[in-house]
């Protein structure tokens, strides 16, 4: 029996199809959620009812926008 999204337990945003990714310098990857319109640490585990797997097996497979400065 398939589990509902809210019954999956902990998920990571780097594995979700609703996120775009960015990274400043060597800091952790930030995931910007297209559903909730907020940013989270991409590899942190969390509970999310909107999570849908992207099919990514390894973090090196995702497209990350890299920044070398902070905008003030």
PDB file of N, CA and C in Angstrom:
ATOM      1  N   UNK A   1       0.840  -1.179   0.000  1.00  0.00           N
ATOM      2  CA  UNK A   1       0.000   0.000   0.000  1.00  0.00           C
ATOM      3  C   UNK A   1       0.887   1.245   0.000  1.00  0.00           C
ATOM      4  N   UNK A   2       0.617   2.175  -0.866  1.00  0.00           N
ATOM      5  CA  UNK A   2       1.405   3.408  -0.959  1.00  0.00           C
ATOM      6  C   UNK A   2       1.091   4.316   0.219  1.00  0.00           C
ATOM      7  N   UNK A   3       2.119   4.979   0.702  1.00  0.00           N
ATOM      8  CA  UNK A   3       1.937   5.908   1.807  1.00  0.00           C
ATOM      9  C   UNK A   3       1.572   7.281   1.278  1.00  0.00           C
ATOM     10  N   UNK A   4       0.769   7.993   2.035  1.00  0.00           N
ATOM     11  CA  UNK A   4       0.444   9.374   1.697  1.00  0.00           C
ATOM     12  C   UNK A   4       1.648  10.242   2.025  1.00  0.00           C
ATOM     13  N   UNK A   5       1.742  11.432   1.411  1.00  0.00           N
ATOM     14  CA  UNK A   5       2.869  12.327   1.645  1.00  0.00           C
ATOM     15  C   UNK A   5       3.068  12.639   3.114  1.00  0.00           C
ATOM     16  N   UNK A   6       2.000  12.851   3.867  1.00  0.00           N
ATOM     17  CA  UNK A   6       2.146  13.224   5.274  1.00  0.00           C
ATOM     18  C   UNK A   6       2.486  12.031   6.155  1.00  0.00           C
ATOM     19  N   UNK A   7       2.527  10.815   5.616  1.00  0.00           N
ATOM     20  CA  UNK A   7       2.866   9.631   6.384  1.00  0.00           C
ATOM     21  C   UNK A   7       4.281   9.144   6.084  1.00  0.00           C
ATOM     22  N   UNK A   8       5.000   9.813   5.227  1.00  0.00           N
ATOM     23  CA  UNK A   8       6.329   9.365   4.824  1.00  0.00           C
ATOM     24  C   UNK A   8       7.383   9.583   5.883  1.00  0.00           C
ATOM     25  N   UNK A   9       7.145  10.463   6.805  1.00  0.00           N
ATOM     26  CA  UNK A   9       8.167  10.778   7.787  1.00  0.00           C
ATOM     27  C   UNK A   9       9.078  11.869   7.264  1.00  0.00           C
ATOM     28  N   UNK A  10      10.341  11.779   7.619  1.00  0.00           N
ATOM     29  CA  UNK A  10      11.289  12.820   7.253  1.00  0.00           C
ATOM     30  C   UNK A  10      11.726  12.706   5.797  1.00  0.00           C
ATOM     31  N   UNK A  11      11.823  13.859   5.137  1.00  0.00           N
ATOM     32  CA  UNK A  11      12.276  13.951   3.749  1.00  0.00           C
ATOM     33  C   UNK A  11      13.330  15.056   3.667  1.00  0.00           C
ATOM     34  N   UNK A  12      14.015  15.141   2.522  1.00  0.00           N
ATOM     35  CA  UNK A  12      14.998  16.194   2.303  1.00  0.00           C
ATOM     36  C   UNK A  12      14.605  16.973   1.055  1.00  0.00           C
ATOM     37  N   UNK A  13      14.721  18.276   1.116  1.00  0.00           N
ATOM     38  CA  UNK A  13      14.342  19.132  -0.013  1.00  0.00           C
ATOM     39  C   UNK A  13      15.192  18.869  -1.259  1.00  0.00           C
ATOM     40  N   UNK A  14      16.437  18.387  -1.086  1.00  0.00           N
ATOM     41  CA  UNK A  14      17.280  18.109  -2.246  1.00  0.00           C
ATOM     42  C   UNK A  14      16.753  16.918  -3.053  1.00  0.00           C
ATOM     43  N   UNK A  15      15.781  16.225  -2.514  1.00  0.00           N
ATOM     44  CA  UNK A  15      15.178  15.087  -3.210  1.00  0.00           C
ATOM     45  C   UNK A  15      13.765  15.400  -3.713  1.00  0.00           C
ATOM     46  N   UNK A  16      13.349  16.673  -3.635  1.00  0.00           N
ATOM     47  CA  UNK A  16      11.988  17.056  -4.000  1.00  0.00           C
ATOM     48  C   UNK A  16      11.951  17.760  -5.351  1.00  0.00           C
ATOM     49  N   UNK A  17      10.931  17.470  -6.132  1.00  0.00           N
ATOM     50  CA  UNK A  17      10.816  18.082  -7.454  1.00  0.00           C
ATOM     51  C   UNK A  17      10.304  19.526  -7.399  1.00  0.00           C
ATOM     52  N   UNK A  18       9.848  19.993  -6.247  1.00  0.00           N
ATOM     53  CA  UNK A  18       9.320  21.353  -6.119  1.00  0.00           C
ATOM     54  C   UNK A  18      10.386  22.387  -5.771  1.00  0.00           C
ATOM     55  N   UNK A  19      11.639  21.989  -5.683  1.00  0.00           N
ATOM     56  CA  UNK A  19      12.685  22.902  -5.212  1.00  0.00           C
ATOM     57  C   UNK A  19      13.655  23.299  -6.324  1.00  0.00           C
ATOM     58  N   UNK A  20      14.183  24.507  -6.197  1.00  0.00           N
ATOM     59  CA  UNK A  20      15.332  24.950  -6.979  1.00  0.00           C
ATOM     60  C   UNK A  20      16.446  25.200  -5.967  1.00  0.00           C
ATOM     61  N   UNK A  21      17.686  25.083  -6.411  1.00  0.00           N
ATOM     62  CA  UNK A  21      18.794  25.048  -5.463  1.00  0.00           C
ATOM     63  C   UNK A  21      19.796  26.156  -5.715  1.00  0.00           C
ATOM     64  N   UNK A  22      20.368  26.657  -4.616  1.00  0.00           N
ATOM     65  CA  UNK A  22      21.387  27.692  -4.698  1.00  0.00           C
ATOM     66  C   UNK A  22      22.390  27.466  -3.575  1.00  0.00           C
ATOM     67  N   UNK A  23      23.600  28.000  -3.793  1.00  0.00           N
ATOM     68  CA  UNK A  23      24.648  27.832  -2.794  1.00  0.00           C
ATOM     69  C   UNK A  23      25.581  29.026  -2.844  1.00  0.00           C
ATOM     70  N   UNK A  24      25.895  29.573  -1.676  1.00  0.00           N
ATOM     71  CA  UNK A  24      26.841  30.669  -1.550  1.00  0.00           C
ATOM     72  C   UNK A  24      28.157  30.107  -1.035  1.00  0.00           C
ATOM     73  N   UNK A  25      29.219  30.334  -1.764  1.00  0.00           N
ATOM     74  CA  UNK A  25      30.557  29.872  -1.391  1.00  0.00           C
ATOM     75  C   UNK A  25      30.513  28.367  -1.118  1.00  0.00           C
ATOM     76  N   UNK A  26      31.028  27.920   0.017  1.00  0.00           N
ATOM     77  CA  UNK A  26      31.025  26.498   0.378  1.00  0.00           C
ATOM     78  C   UNK A  26      29.973  26.189   1.448  1.00  0.00           C
ATOM     79  N   UNK A  27      28.990  27.069   1.605  1.00  0.00           N
ATOM     80  CA  UNK A  27      27.933  26.882   2.595  1.00  0.00           C
ATOM     81  C   UNK A  27      26.974  25.777   2.137  1.00  0.00           C
ATOM     82  N   UNK A  28      26.089  25.314   3.027  1.00  0.00           N
ATOM     83  CA  UNK A  28      25.134  24.271   2.637  1.00  0.00           C
ATOM     84  C   UNK A  28      24.238  24.712   1.471  1.00  0.00           C
ATOM     85  N   UNK A  29      23.722  23.744   0.760  1.00  0.00           N
ATOM     86  CA  UNK A  29      22.805  23.991  -0.357  1.00  0.00           C
ATOM     87  C   UNK A  29      21.475  24.467   0.212  1.00  0.00           C
ATOM     88  N   UNK A  30      20.944  25.538  -0.378  1.00  0.00           N
ATOM     89  CA  UNK A  30      19.647  26.081   0.022  1.00  0.00           C
ATOM     90  C   UNK A  30      18.621  25.686  -1.031  1.00  0.00           C
ATOM     91  N   UNK A  31      17.485  25.191  -0.580  1.00  0.00           N
ATOM     92  CA  UNK A  31      16.400  24.817  -1.482  1.00  0.00           C
ATOM     93  C   UNK A  31      15.293  25.857  -1.377  1.00  0.00           C
ATOM     94  N   UNK A  32      14.891  26.388  -2.517  1.00  0.00           N
ATOM     95  CA  UNK A  32      13.775  27.330  -2.542  1.00  0.00           C
ATOM     96  C   UNK A  32      12.549  26.572  -3.021  1.00  0.00           C
ATOM     97  N   UNK A  33      11.563  26.457  -2.149  1.00  0.00           N
ATOM     98  CA  UNK A  33      10.356  25.686  -2.441  1.00  0.00           C
ATOM     99  C   UNK A  33       9.412  26.493  -3.320  1.00  0.00           C
ATOM    100  N   UNK A  34       9.001  25.915  -4.428  1.00  0.00           N
ATOM    101  CA  UNK A  34       8.081  26.574  -5.347  1.00  0.00           C
ATOM    102  C   UNK A  34       6.630  26.468  -4.870  1.00  0.00           C
ATOM    103  N   UNK A  35       6.365  25.592  -3.912  1.00  0.00           N
ATOM    104  CA  UNK A  35       5.016  25.431  -3.364  1.00  0.00           C
ATOM    105  C   UNK A  35       4.797  26.373  -2.179  1.00  0.00           C
ATOM    106  N   UNK A  36       5.747  26.373  -1.235  1.00  0.00           N
ATOM    107  CA  UNK A  36       5.600  27.148  -0.004  1.00  0.00           C
ATOM    108  C   UNK A  36       6.252  28.523  -0.067  1.00  0.00           C
ATOM    109  N   UNK A  37       7.010  28.791  -1.128  1.00  0.00           N
ATOM    110  CA  UNK A  37       7.677  30.084  -1.331  1.00  0.00           C
ATOM    111  C   UNK A  37       8.559  30.456  -0.145  1.00  0.00           C
ATOM    112  N   UNK A  38       9.377  29.500   0.291  1.00  0.00           N
ATOM    113  CA  UNK A  38      10.330  29.746   1.356  1.00  0.00           C
ATOM    114  C   UNK A  38      11.608  28.972   1.076  1.00  0.00           C
ATOM    115  N   UNK A  39      12.675  29.349   1.755  1.00  0.00           N
ATOM    116  CA  UNK A  39      13.975  28.704   1.587  1.00  0.00           C
ATOM    117  C   UNK A  39      14.322  27.891   2.825  1.00  0.00           C
ATOM    118  N   UNK A  40      14.892  26.707   2.579  1.00  0.00           N
ATOM    119  CA  UNK A  40      15.307  25.818   3.653  1.00  0.00           C
ATOM    120  C   UNK A  40      16.680  25.237   3.311  1.00  0.00           C
ATOM    121  N   UNK A  41      17.377  24.726   4.321  1.00  0.00           N
ATOM    122  CA  UNK A  41      18.612  24.001   4.065  1.00  0.00           C
ATOM    123  C   UNK A  41      18.213  22.715   3.345  1.00  0.00           C
ATOM    124  N   UNK A  42      18.767  22.526   2.159  1.00  0.00           N
ATOM    125  CA  UNK A  42      18.329  21.439   1.286  1.00  0.00           C
ATOM    126  C   UNK A  42      18.531  20.038   1.815  1.00  0.00           C
ATOM    127  N   UNK A  43      19.598  19.811   2.576  1.00  0.00           N
ATOM    128  CA  UNK A  43      19.888  18.457   3.034  1.00  0.00           C
ATOM    129  C   UNK A  43      19.379  18.158   4.439  1.00  0.00           C
ATOM    130  N   UNK A  44      18.733  19.128   5.067  1.00  0.00           N
ATOM    131  CA  UNK A  44      18.160  18.904   6.398  1.00  0.00           C
ATOM    132  C   UNK A  44      16.893  18.057   6.262  1.00  0.00           C
ATOM    133  N   UNK A  45      16.699  17.180   7.194  1.00  0.00           N
ATOM    134  CA  UNK A  45      15.499  16.342   7.181  1.00  0.00           C
ATOM    135  C   UNK A  45      14.346  17.095   7.819  1.00  0.00           C
ATOM    136  N   UNK A  46      13.173  16.974   7.219  1.00  0.00           N
ATOM    137  CA  UNK A  46      11.988  17.675   7.699  1.00  0.00           C
ATOM    138  C   UNK A  46      10.747  16.903   7.291  1.00  0.00           C
ATOM    139  N   UNK A  47       9.619  17.271   7.841  1.00  0.00           N
ATOM    140  CA  UNK A  47       8.339  16.687   7.450  1.00  0.00           C
ATOM    141  C   UNK A  47       7.658  17.682   6.526  1.00  0.00           C
ATOM    142  N   UNK A  48       7.207  17.213   5.368  1.00  0.00           N
ATOM    143  CA  UNK A  48       6.575  18.104   4.395  1.00  0.00           C
ATOM    144  C   UNK A  48       5.455  17.359   3.677  1.00  0.00           C
ATOM    145  N   UNK A  49       4.254  17.881   3.767  1.00  0.00           N
ATOM    146  CA  UNK A  49       3.100  17.268   3.111  1.00  0.00           C
ATOM    147  C   UNK A  49       3.138  17.427   1.601  1.00  0.00           C
ATOM    148  N   UNK A  50       3.906  18.405   1.101  1.00  0.00           N
ATOM    149  CA  UNK A  50       3.961  18.677  -0.335  1.00  0.00           C
ATOM    150  C   UNK A  50       5.099  17.952  -1.038  1.00  0.00           C
ATOM    151  N   UNK A  51       5.898  17.181  -0.321  1.00  0.00           N
ATOM    152  CA  UNK A  51       7.059  16.508  -0.898  1.00  0.00           C
ATOM    153  C   UNK A  51       6.648  15.548  -2.014  1.00  0.00           C
ATOM    154  N   UNK A  52       7.358  15.658  -3.131  1.00  0.00           N
ATOM    155  CA  UNK A  52       7.221  14.711  -4.235  1.00  0.00           C
ATOM    156  C   UNK A  52       8.622  14.378  -4.721  1.00  0.00           C
ATOM    157  N   UNK A  53       8.986  13.113  -4.756  1.00  0.00           N
ATOM    158  CA  UNK A  53      10.344  12.747  -5.145  1.00  0.00           C
ATOM    159  C   UNK A  53      10.690  13.199  -6.556  1.00  0.00           C
ATOM    160  N   UNK A  54      11.909  13.682  -6.707  1.00  0.00           N
ATOM    161  CA  UNK A  54      12.372  14.130  -8.026  1.00  0.00           C
ATOM    162  C   UNK A  54      13.075  13.011  -8.772  1.00  0.00           C
ATOM    163  N   UNK A  55      13.411  11.943  -8.081  1.00  0.00           N
ATOM    164  CA  UNK A  55      14.125  10.841  -8.706  1.00  0.00           C
ATOM    165  C   UNK A  55      15.637  10.988  -8.612  1.00  0.00           C
ATOM    166  N   UNK A  56      16.108  12.025  -7.947  1.00  0.00           N
ATOM    167  CA  UNK A  56      17.542  12.248  -7.782  1.00  0.00           C
ATOM    168  C   UNK A  56      18.099  11.211  -6.815  1.00  0.00           C
ATOM    169  N   UNK A  57      19.168  10.556  -7.240  1.00  0.00           N
ATOM    170  CA  UNK A  57      19.800   9.548  -6.397  1.00  0.00           C
ATOM    171  C   UNK A  57      20.962  10.147  -5.615  1.00  0.00           C
ATOM    172  N   UNK A  58      21.660  11.102  -6.235  1.00  0.00           N
ATOM    173  CA  UNK A  58      22.841  11.704  -5.629  1.00  0.00           C
ATOM    174  C   UNK A  58      22.759  13.223  -5.760  1.00  0.00           C
ATOM    175  N   UNK A  59      23.195  13.942  -4.732  1.00  0.00           N
ATOM    176  CA  UNK A  59      23.142  15.409  -4.733  1.00  0.00           C
ATOM    177  C   UNK A  59      23.937  15.982  -5.903  1.00  0.00           C
ATOM    178  N   UNK A  60      24.966  15.298  -6.354  1.00  0.00           N
ATOM    179  CA  UNK A  60      25.777  15.802  -7.470  1.00  0.00           C
ATOM    180  C   UNK A  60      24.991  15.851  -8.781  1.00  0.00           C
ATOM    181  N   UNK A  61      23.812  15.254  -8.833  1.00  0.00           N
ATOM    182  CA  UNK A  61      22.982  15.233 -10.038  1.00  0.00           C
ATOM    183  C   UNK A  61      22.069  16.460 -10.153  1.00  0.00           C
ATOM    184  N   UNK A  62      21.895  17.217  -9.067  1.00  0.00           N
ATOM    185  CA  UNK A  62      20.978  18.351  -9.123  1.00  0.00           C
ATOM    186  C   UNK A  62      21.686  19.586  -9.669  1.00  0.00           C
ATOM    187  N   UNK A  63      20.919  20.475 -10.233  1.00  0.00           N
ATOM    188  CA  UNK A  63      21.446  21.724 -10.767  1.00  0.00           C
ATOM    189  C   UNK A  63      21.410  22.782  -9.662  1.00  0.00           C
ATOM    190  N   UNK A  64      22.592  23.313  -9.326  1.00  0.00           N
ATOM    191  CA  UNK A  64      22.706  24.288  -8.247  1.00  0.00           C
ATOM    192  C   UNK A  64      23.232  25.600  -8.807  1.00  0.00           C
ATOM    193  N   UNK A  65      22.552  26.691  -8.493  1.00  0.00           N
ATOM    194  CA  UNK A  65      23.028  28.016  -8.882  1.00  0.00           C
ATOM    195  C   UNK A  65      24.014  28.484  -7.810  1.00  0.00           C
ATOM    196  N   UNK A  66      25.261  28.734  -8.213  1.00  0.00           N
ATOM    197  CA  UNK A  66      26.315  29.115  -7.268  1.00  0.00           C
ATOM    198  C   UNK A  66      26.509  30.628  -7.253  1.00  0.00           C
ATOM    199  N   UNK A  67      26.747  31.166  -6.054  1.00  0.00           N
ATOM    200  CA  UNK A  67      26.979  32.595  -5.875  1.00  0.00           C
ATOM    201  C   UNK A  67      28.329  32.808  -5.204  1.00  0.00           C
ATOM    202  N   UNK A  68      29.050  33.855  -5.605  1.00  0.00           N
ATOM    203  CA  UNK A  68      30.341  34.150  -4.991  1.00  0.00           C
ATOM    204  C   UNK A  68      30.313  35.483  -4.233  1.00  0.00           C
ATOM    205  N   UNK A  69      29.115  35.988  -3.940  1.00  0.00           N
ATOM    206  CA  UNK A  69      28.969  37.194  -3.128  1.00  0.00           C
ATOM    207  C   UNK A  69      27.553  37.234  -2.539  1.00  0.00           C
ATOM    208  N   UNK A  70      27.420  38.046  -1.492  1.00  0.00           N
ATOM    209  CA  UNK A  70      26.114  38.253  -0.875  1.00  0.00           C
ATOM    210  C   UNK A  70      25.587  39.611  -1.302  1.00  0.00           C
ATOM    211  N   UNK A  71      24.330  39.681  -1.697  1.00  0.00           N
ATOM    212  CA  UNK A  71      23.715  40.980  -2.006  1.00  0.00           C
ATOM    213  C   UNK A  71      23.175  41.575  -0.713  1.00  0.00           C
ATOM    214  N   UNK A  72      23.449  42.839  -0.517  1.00  0.00           N
ATOM    215  CA  UNK A  72      22.990  43.498   0.712  1.00  0.00           C
ATOM    216  C   UNK A  72      21.819  44.407   0.377  1.00  0.00           C
TER     217      UNK A  72
END
